[in-house]
N, C-alpha and C. Protein backbone atom coordinates (compact mmCIF):
# COMPACT_ATOMS: atom_id res chain seq x y z
N MET A 1 -27.78 -4.86 38.39
CA MET A 1 -27.63 -6.10 39.12
C MET A 1 -26.43 -6.85 38.56
N LYS A 2 -25.63 -7.40 39.45
CA LYS A 2 -24.47 -8.19 39.04
C LYS A 2 -24.92 -9.45 38.30
N ASP A 3 -24.09 -9.92 37.38
CA ASP A 3 -24.41 -11.15 36.64
C ASP A 3 -24.63 -12.33 37.58
N GLU A 4 -23.77 -12.46 38.59
CA GLU A 4 -23.89 -13.57 39.54
C GLU A 4 -25.20 -13.47 40.32
N THR A 5 -25.56 -12.26 40.70
CA THR A 5 -26.83 -12.06 41.41
C THR A 5 -27.99 -12.51 40.53
N TYR A 6 -27.97 -12.10 39.28
CA TYR A 6 -29.03 -12.47 38.35
C TYR A 6 -29.18 -13.99 38.27
N GLN A 7 -28.06 -14.72 38.23
CA GLN A 7 -28.13 -16.18 38.16
C GLN A 7 -28.78 -16.77 39.41
N TRP A 8 -28.40 -16.24 40.59
CA TRP A 8 -29.02 -16.72 41.83
C TRP A 8 -30.53 -16.46 41.80
N VAL A 9 -30.92 -15.26 41.35
CA VAL A 9 -32.35 -14.91 41.29
C VAL A 9 -33.08 -15.84 40.33
N ARG A 10 -32.49 -16.06 39.18
CA ARG A 10 -33.13 -16.92 38.17
C ARG A 10 -33.33 -18.33 38.73
N TYR A 11 -32.33 -18.87 39.40
CA TYR A 11 -32.46 -20.21 39.97
C TYR A 11 -33.49 -20.24 41.10
N ALA A 12 -33.51 -19.19 41.92
CA ALA A 12 -34.49 -19.12 43.01
C ALA A 12 -35.91 -19.10 42.45
N CYS A 13 -36.11 -18.34 41.40
CA CYS A 13 -37.44 -18.26 40.77
C CYS A 13 -37.84 -19.61 40.18
N GLU A 14 -36.88 -20.28 39.59
CA GLU A 14 -37.16 -21.62 39.04
C GLU A 14 -37.55 -22.59 40.16
N ASN A 15 -36.83 -22.56 41.27
CA ASN A 15 -37.18 -23.42 42.40
C ASN A 15 -38.57 -23.11 42.93
N LEU A 16 -38.93 -21.83 42.98
CA LEU A 16 -40.26 -21.46 43.46
C LEU A 16 -41.34 -22.01 42.53
N GLU A 17 -41.13 -21.89 41.23
CA GLU A 17 -42.10 -22.41 40.26
C GLU A 17 -42.22 -23.93 40.36
N VAL A 18 -41.10 -24.60 40.53
CA VAL A 18 -41.13 -26.06 40.67
C VAL A 18 -41.85 -26.45 41.96
N ALA A 19 -41.67 -25.69 43.03
CA ALA A 19 -42.37 -25.96 44.29
C ALA A 19 -43.88 -25.89 44.09
N ARG A 20 -44.34 -24.88 43.37
CA ARG A 20 -45.78 -24.74 43.09
C ARG A 20 -46.29 -25.92 42.27
N LEU A 21 -45.55 -26.25 41.22
CA LEU A 21 -45.95 -27.37 40.37
C LEU A 21 -45.96 -28.69 41.14
N ALA A 22 -44.96 -28.87 42.00
CA ALA A 22 -44.87 -30.10 42.79
C ALA A 22 -46.05 -30.22 43.74
N LEU A 23 -46.41 -29.13 44.39
CA LEU A 23 -47.57 -29.17 45.29
C LEU A 23 -48.84 -29.51 44.51
N ASP A 24 -49.02 -28.86 43.38
CA ASP A 24 -50.21 -29.12 42.56
C ASP A 24 -50.28 -30.58 42.11
N ALA A 25 -49.12 -31.20 41.91
CA ALA A 25 -49.08 -32.59 41.46
C ALA A 25 -49.06 -33.58 42.62
N GLY A 26 -49.05 -33.07 43.85
CA GLY A 26 -49.03 -33.95 45.01
C GLY A 26 -47.66 -34.49 45.37
N HIS A 27 -46.61 -33.89 44.82
CA HIS A 27 -45.23 -34.31 45.12
C HIS A 27 -44.72 -33.44 46.29
N LEU A 28 -45.09 -33.84 47.49
CA LEU A 28 -44.88 -33.01 48.66
C LEU A 28 -43.41 -32.85 49.02
N ASN A 29 -42.64 -33.90 48.94
CA ASN A 29 -41.22 -33.83 49.25
C ASN A 29 -40.52 -32.85 48.30
N ALA A 30 -40.84 -32.96 47.02
CA ALA A 30 -40.24 -32.06 46.03
C ALA A 30 -40.66 -30.61 46.29
N CYS A 31 -41.89 -30.40 46.71
CA CYS A 31 -42.36 -29.07 47.04
C CYS A 31 -41.52 -28.48 48.17
N LEU A 32 -41.35 -29.23 49.25
CA LEU A 32 -40.59 -28.74 50.39
C LEU A 32 -39.15 -28.43 50.01
N HIS A 33 -38.53 -29.34 49.30
CA HIS A 33 -37.13 -29.14 48.90
C HIS A 33 -36.99 -27.87 48.06
N ASN A 34 -37.88 -27.67 47.12
CA ASN A 34 -37.77 -26.51 46.25
C ASN A 34 -38.12 -25.21 46.96
N CYS A 35 -39.00 -25.24 47.93
CA CYS A 35 -39.26 -24.05 48.74
C CYS A 35 -38.00 -23.62 49.48
N GLN A 36 -37.36 -24.58 50.12
CA GLN A 36 -36.13 -24.29 50.85
C GLN A 36 -35.07 -23.75 49.90
N GLN A 37 -34.91 -24.39 48.76
CA GLN A 37 -33.90 -23.97 47.80
C GLN A 37 -34.19 -22.57 47.25
N ALA A 38 -35.44 -22.25 47.02
CA ALA A 38 -35.80 -20.91 46.51
C ALA A 38 -35.35 -19.84 47.50
N VAL A 39 -35.64 -20.05 48.77
CA VAL A 39 -35.27 -19.06 49.78
C VAL A 39 -33.75 -18.99 49.92
N GLU A 40 -33.11 -20.14 49.99
CA GLU A 40 -31.64 -20.17 50.12
C GLU A 40 -30.99 -19.40 48.97
N LYS A 41 -31.41 -19.66 47.77
CA LYS A 41 -30.78 -19.02 46.61
C LYS A 41 -31.08 -17.53 46.54
N MET A 42 -32.26 -17.13 46.96
CA MET A 42 -32.57 -15.70 46.94
C MET A 42 -31.79 -14.96 48.03
N ILE A 43 -31.60 -15.58 49.19
CA ILE A 43 -30.76 -14.96 50.20
C ILE A 43 -29.36 -14.77 49.64
N LYS A 44 -28.84 -15.80 48.98
CA LYS A 44 -27.50 -15.71 48.40
C LYS A 44 -27.43 -14.63 47.32
N ALA A 45 -28.51 -14.44 46.58
CA ALA A 45 -28.55 -13.36 45.58
C ALA A 45 -28.35 -12.00 46.25
N VAL A 46 -29.06 -11.77 47.33
CA VAL A 46 -28.95 -10.49 48.04
C VAL A 46 -27.55 -10.34 48.64
N ILE A 47 -27.05 -11.40 49.22
CA ILE A 47 -25.70 -11.36 49.80
C ILE A 47 -24.67 -11.01 48.74
N VAL A 48 -24.74 -11.68 47.60
CA VAL A 48 -23.79 -11.43 46.50
C VAL A 48 -23.93 -9.99 46.01
N GLU A 49 -25.16 -9.55 45.81
CA GLU A 49 -25.38 -8.19 45.30
C GLU A 49 -24.82 -7.14 46.25
N GLN A 50 -24.90 -7.40 47.55
CA GLN A 50 -24.40 -6.46 48.55
C GLN A 50 -22.89 -6.58 48.78
N GLY A 51 -22.27 -7.59 48.16
CA GLY A 51 -20.83 -7.77 48.33
C GLY A 51 -20.45 -8.32 49.70
N LEU A 52 -21.38 -9.02 50.33
CA LEU A 52 -21.13 -9.59 51.66
C LEU A 52 -20.45 -10.95 51.53
N VAL A 53 -19.80 -11.35 52.59
CA VAL A 53 -19.10 -12.62 52.62
C VAL A 53 -19.98 -13.64 53.35
N PHE A 54 -20.05 -14.86 52.80
CA PHE A 54 -20.80 -15.92 53.46
C PHE A 54 -20.09 -17.24 53.26
N ARG A 55 -20.29 -18.11 54.23
CA ARG A 55 -19.74 -19.46 54.18
C ARG A 55 -20.65 -20.30 53.31
N LYS A 56 -20.08 -21.23 52.56
CA LYS A 56 -20.90 -22.14 51.77
C LYS A 56 -21.71 -23.01 52.73
N THR A 57 -23.01 -22.81 52.70
CA THR A 57 -23.90 -23.52 53.61
C THR A 57 -25.30 -23.54 53.00
N HIS A 58 -26.11 -24.46 53.50
CA HIS A 58 -27.52 -24.52 53.13
C HIS A 58 -28.40 -24.04 54.28
N ASN A 59 -27.79 -23.58 55.36
CA ASN A 59 -28.49 -23.18 56.57
C ASN A 59 -29.13 -21.80 56.39
N ILE A 60 -30.45 -21.78 56.31
CA ILE A 60 -31.19 -20.55 56.08
C ILE A 60 -30.97 -19.55 57.22
N HIS A 61 -31.01 -20.03 58.44
CA HIS A 61 -30.82 -19.14 59.60
C HIS A 61 -29.46 -18.46 59.53
N GLU A 62 -28.43 -19.22 59.25
CA GLU A 62 -27.08 -18.66 59.17
C GLU A 62 -26.98 -17.63 58.04
N LEU A 63 -27.54 -17.95 56.89
CA LEU A 63 -27.50 -17.01 55.77
C LEU A 63 -28.30 -15.74 56.07
N ASN A 64 -29.44 -15.90 56.71
CA ASN A 64 -30.25 -14.74 57.08
C ASN A 64 -29.52 -13.85 58.09
N GLU A 65 -28.72 -14.46 58.94
CA GLU A 65 -27.93 -13.68 59.90
C GLU A 65 -26.89 -12.82 59.20
N VAL A 66 -26.36 -13.30 58.07
CA VAL A 66 -25.42 -12.48 57.28
C VAL A 66 -26.12 -11.20 56.84
N LEU A 67 -27.36 -11.33 56.39
CA LEU A 67 -28.13 -10.14 56.00
C LEU A 67 -28.38 -9.25 57.22
N GLY A 68 -28.81 -9.86 58.31
CA GLY A 68 -29.11 -9.10 59.52
C GLY A 68 -27.91 -8.32 60.05
N ALA A 69 -26.73 -8.90 59.93
CA ALA A 69 -25.51 -8.23 60.40
C ALA A 69 -25.23 -6.97 59.59
N SER A 70 -25.80 -6.88 58.41
CA SER A 70 -25.66 -5.68 57.57
C SER A 70 -26.95 -4.86 57.55
N ALA A 71 -27.79 -5.08 58.56
CA ALA A 71 -29.05 -4.35 58.72
C ALA A 71 -29.98 -4.52 57.53
N ILE A 72 -29.97 -5.70 56.92
CA ILE A 72 -30.89 -6.00 55.82
C ILE A 72 -31.93 -6.97 56.37
N ASP A 73 -33.16 -6.49 56.47
CA ASP A 73 -34.26 -7.31 56.97
C ASP A 73 -35.28 -7.47 55.86
N LEU A 74 -35.39 -8.70 55.34
CA LEU A 74 -36.32 -8.98 54.26
C LEU A 74 -37.53 -9.76 54.75
N GLY A 75 -37.77 -9.72 56.05
CA GLY A 75 -38.99 -10.28 56.60
C GLY A 75 -38.97 -11.77 56.88
N LEU A 76 -37.82 -12.37 56.90
CA LEU A 76 -37.72 -13.80 57.19
C LEU A 76 -37.52 -13.96 58.70
N SER A 77 -38.53 -14.49 59.37
CA SER A 77 -38.48 -14.61 60.83
C SER A 77 -37.63 -15.80 61.27
N THR A 78 -37.30 -15.82 62.54
CA THR A 78 -36.58 -16.95 63.11
C THR A 78 -37.39 -18.23 62.93
N GLU A 79 -38.71 -18.13 63.11
CA GLU A 79 -39.58 -19.30 62.94
C GLU A 79 -39.56 -19.80 61.49
N ASP A 80 -39.57 -18.86 60.54
CA ASP A 80 -39.48 -19.24 59.13
C ASP A 80 -38.16 -19.97 58.86
N CYS A 81 -37.08 -19.39 59.36
CA CYS A 81 -35.76 -20.02 59.17
C CYS A 81 -35.74 -21.42 59.78
N ASN A 82 -36.27 -21.55 60.98
CA ASN A 82 -36.27 -22.84 61.66
C ASN A 82 -37.05 -23.88 60.86
N LEU A 83 -38.21 -23.51 60.33
CA LEU A 83 -39.00 -24.45 59.55
C LEU A 83 -38.26 -24.85 58.29
N LEU A 84 -37.74 -23.88 57.56
CA LEU A 84 -37.03 -24.20 56.32
C LEU A 84 -35.77 -25.03 56.58
N ASP A 85 -35.07 -24.73 57.67
CA ASP A 85 -33.90 -25.55 58.02
C ASP A 85 -34.32 -26.96 58.43
N ALA A 86 -35.47 -27.08 59.10
CA ALA A 86 -35.94 -28.40 59.55
C ALA A 86 -36.33 -29.30 58.39
N ILE A 87 -36.75 -28.71 57.27
CA ILE A 87 -37.18 -29.54 56.14
C ILE A 87 -36.06 -29.86 55.17
N TYR A 88 -34.93 -29.15 55.26
CA TYR A 88 -33.89 -29.32 54.25
C TYR A 88 -33.36 -30.75 54.20
N LEU A 89 -32.80 -31.24 55.28
CA LEU A 89 -32.25 -32.60 55.25
C LEU A 89 -33.31 -33.67 55.03
N PRO A 90 -34.45 -33.59 55.71
CA PRO A 90 -35.47 -34.61 55.45
C PRO A 90 -35.97 -34.63 54.01
N SER A 91 -35.94 -33.48 53.33
CA SER A 91 -36.40 -33.47 51.95
C SER A 91 -35.39 -34.13 51.02
N LYS A 92 -34.17 -34.27 51.51
CA LYS A 92 -33.13 -34.93 50.72
C LYS A 92 -32.88 -36.36 51.20
N TYR A 93 -32.97 -36.54 52.51
CA TYR A 93 -32.64 -37.83 53.12
C TYR A 93 -33.73 -38.18 54.13
N PRO A 94 -34.57 -39.15 53.86
CA PRO A 94 -35.73 -39.43 54.72
C PRO A 94 -35.42 -39.81 56.17
N LEU A 95 -34.32 -40.44 56.44
CA LEU A 95 -34.03 -40.87 57.81
C LEU A 95 -33.64 -39.69 58.69
N GLY A 96 -34.08 -39.72 59.93
CA GLY A 96 -33.74 -38.68 60.89
C GLY A 96 -34.49 -37.38 60.65
N SER A 97 -35.66 -37.46 60.11
CA SER A 97 -36.44 -36.28 59.75
C SER A 97 -36.88 -35.49 60.97
N ALA A 98 -36.96 -34.19 60.77
CA ALA A 98 -37.52 -33.31 61.81
C ALA A 98 -39.03 -33.19 61.66
N LEU A 99 -39.56 -33.65 60.55
CA LEU A 99 -40.99 -33.59 60.31
C LEU A 99 -41.69 -34.74 61.05
N PRO A 100 -42.94 -34.53 61.43
CA PRO A 100 -43.68 -35.62 62.09
C PRO A 100 -43.73 -36.86 61.20
N ASP A 101 -43.40 -37.98 61.78
CA ASP A 101 -43.43 -39.26 61.07
C ASP A 101 -42.58 -39.29 59.81
N ALA A 102 -41.67 -38.35 59.67
CA ALA A 102 -40.75 -38.28 58.53
C ALA A 102 -41.47 -38.16 57.20
N GLU A 103 -42.72 -37.73 57.22
CA GLU A 103 -43.49 -37.59 55.98
C GLU A 103 -43.98 -36.15 55.83
N PRO A 104 -43.73 -35.55 54.68
CA PRO A 104 -44.27 -34.21 54.46
C PRO A 104 -45.79 -34.25 54.32
N ASP A 105 -46.42 -33.14 54.64
CA ASP A 105 -47.88 -33.06 54.48
C ASP A 105 -48.24 -31.78 53.75
N VAL A 106 -49.46 -31.70 53.29
CA VAL A 106 -49.92 -30.57 52.49
C VAL A 106 -49.83 -29.26 53.27
N GLU A 107 -50.20 -29.28 54.54
CA GLU A 107 -50.17 -28.04 55.33
C GLU A 107 -48.75 -27.50 55.48
N THR A 108 -47.79 -28.38 55.72
CA THR A 108 -46.40 -27.95 55.82
C THR A 108 -45.94 -27.38 54.49
N CYS A 109 -46.33 -28.04 53.40
CA CYS A 109 -45.97 -27.55 52.07
C CYS A 109 -46.55 -26.17 51.81
N LYS A 110 -47.81 -25.98 52.16
CA LYS A 110 -48.45 -24.68 51.94
C LYS A 110 -47.78 -23.60 52.78
N ALA A 111 -47.42 -23.93 54.01
CA ALA A 111 -46.75 -22.96 54.88
C ALA A 111 -45.39 -22.58 54.31
N CYS A 112 -44.64 -23.57 53.84
CA CYS A 112 -43.32 -23.30 53.28
C CYS A 112 -43.42 -22.52 51.97
N LEU A 113 -44.40 -22.85 51.17
CA LEU A 113 -44.60 -22.13 49.91
C LEU A 113 -44.96 -20.66 50.19
N GLN A 114 -45.79 -20.44 51.18
CA GLN A 114 -46.15 -19.07 51.54
C GLN A 114 -44.92 -18.29 52.02
N ILE A 115 -44.08 -18.92 52.82
CA ILE A 115 -42.84 -18.27 53.29
C ILE A 115 -41.96 -17.93 52.09
N ALA A 116 -41.78 -18.89 51.19
CA ALA A 116 -40.92 -18.68 50.03
C ALA A 116 -41.45 -17.57 49.13
N GLU A 117 -42.74 -17.58 48.87
CA GLU A 117 -43.33 -16.54 48.00
C GLU A 117 -43.17 -15.15 48.61
N LYS A 118 -43.44 -15.04 49.89
CA LYS A 118 -43.32 -13.75 50.58
C LYS A 118 -41.87 -13.28 50.58
N PHE A 119 -40.96 -14.19 50.88
CA PHE A 119 -39.55 -13.80 50.95
C PHE A 119 -39.01 -13.41 49.58
N LEU A 120 -39.31 -14.19 48.55
CA LEU A 120 -38.82 -13.87 47.22
C LEU A 120 -39.37 -12.52 46.76
N SER A 121 -40.60 -12.24 47.06
CA SER A 121 -41.18 -10.95 46.70
C SER A 121 -40.43 -9.81 47.38
N SER A 122 -40.16 -9.96 48.66
CA SER A 122 -39.44 -8.93 49.41
C SER A 122 -38.01 -8.76 48.88
N ALA A 123 -37.34 -9.87 48.60
CA ALA A 123 -35.96 -9.81 48.11
C ALA A 123 -35.90 -9.19 46.72
N LYS A 124 -36.87 -9.55 45.86
CA LYS A 124 -36.90 -8.97 44.51
C LYS A 124 -37.08 -7.45 44.59
N HIS A 125 -37.93 -7.01 45.49
CA HIS A 125 -38.14 -5.58 45.68
C HIS A 125 -36.83 -4.92 46.11
N HIS A 126 -36.12 -5.56 47.03
CA HIS A 126 -34.85 -5.05 47.52
C HIS A 126 -33.81 -4.97 46.40
N LEU A 127 -33.84 -5.95 45.52
CA LEU A 127 -32.89 -6.01 44.39
C LEU A 127 -33.36 -5.19 43.19
N HIS A 128 -34.56 -4.65 43.27
CA HIS A 128 -35.16 -3.93 42.14
C HIS A 128 -35.23 -4.85 40.90
N SER A 129 -35.64 -6.08 41.14
CA SER A 129 -35.71 -7.09 40.08
C SER A 129 -37.15 -7.38 39.71
N GLN A 130 -37.36 -7.63 38.45
CA GLN A 130 -38.69 -8.01 37.94
C GLN A 130 -38.76 -9.51 37.73
N ALA A 131 -37.70 -10.24 38.02
CA ALA A 131 -37.67 -11.69 37.79
C ALA A 131 -38.77 -12.39 38.57
N CYS A 132 -39.14 -13.58 38.16
CA CYS A 132 -40.21 -14.41 38.74
C CYS A 132 -41.55 -13.87 38.35
């Protein structure tokens, strides 16, 4: 594994752990933000490892399309991408939220955490990584 890939994986794993801790502590906004970040960073790890080119972006759908264009499918659905993209800005900036009433809830957090855990597991398998 490339050194840069390893750093992306390490950061993604850290974000996933923080998302779990945040949910357990009732910090729902932090949970959502870290779920999104975990997936974003793990996608970038795979992209870097494969030597693919990507634009600097936080858009999960766009990053996942980079993988798809190279026939790499790690199980992240369009619906998963849409949810993670919908929570990114609201988790950073409360105004103009895509979430109902601009407030995160436990069910949304659990759904995002499940997406992140599943995706990171699939990506780690693809990278042959034991991290996380």
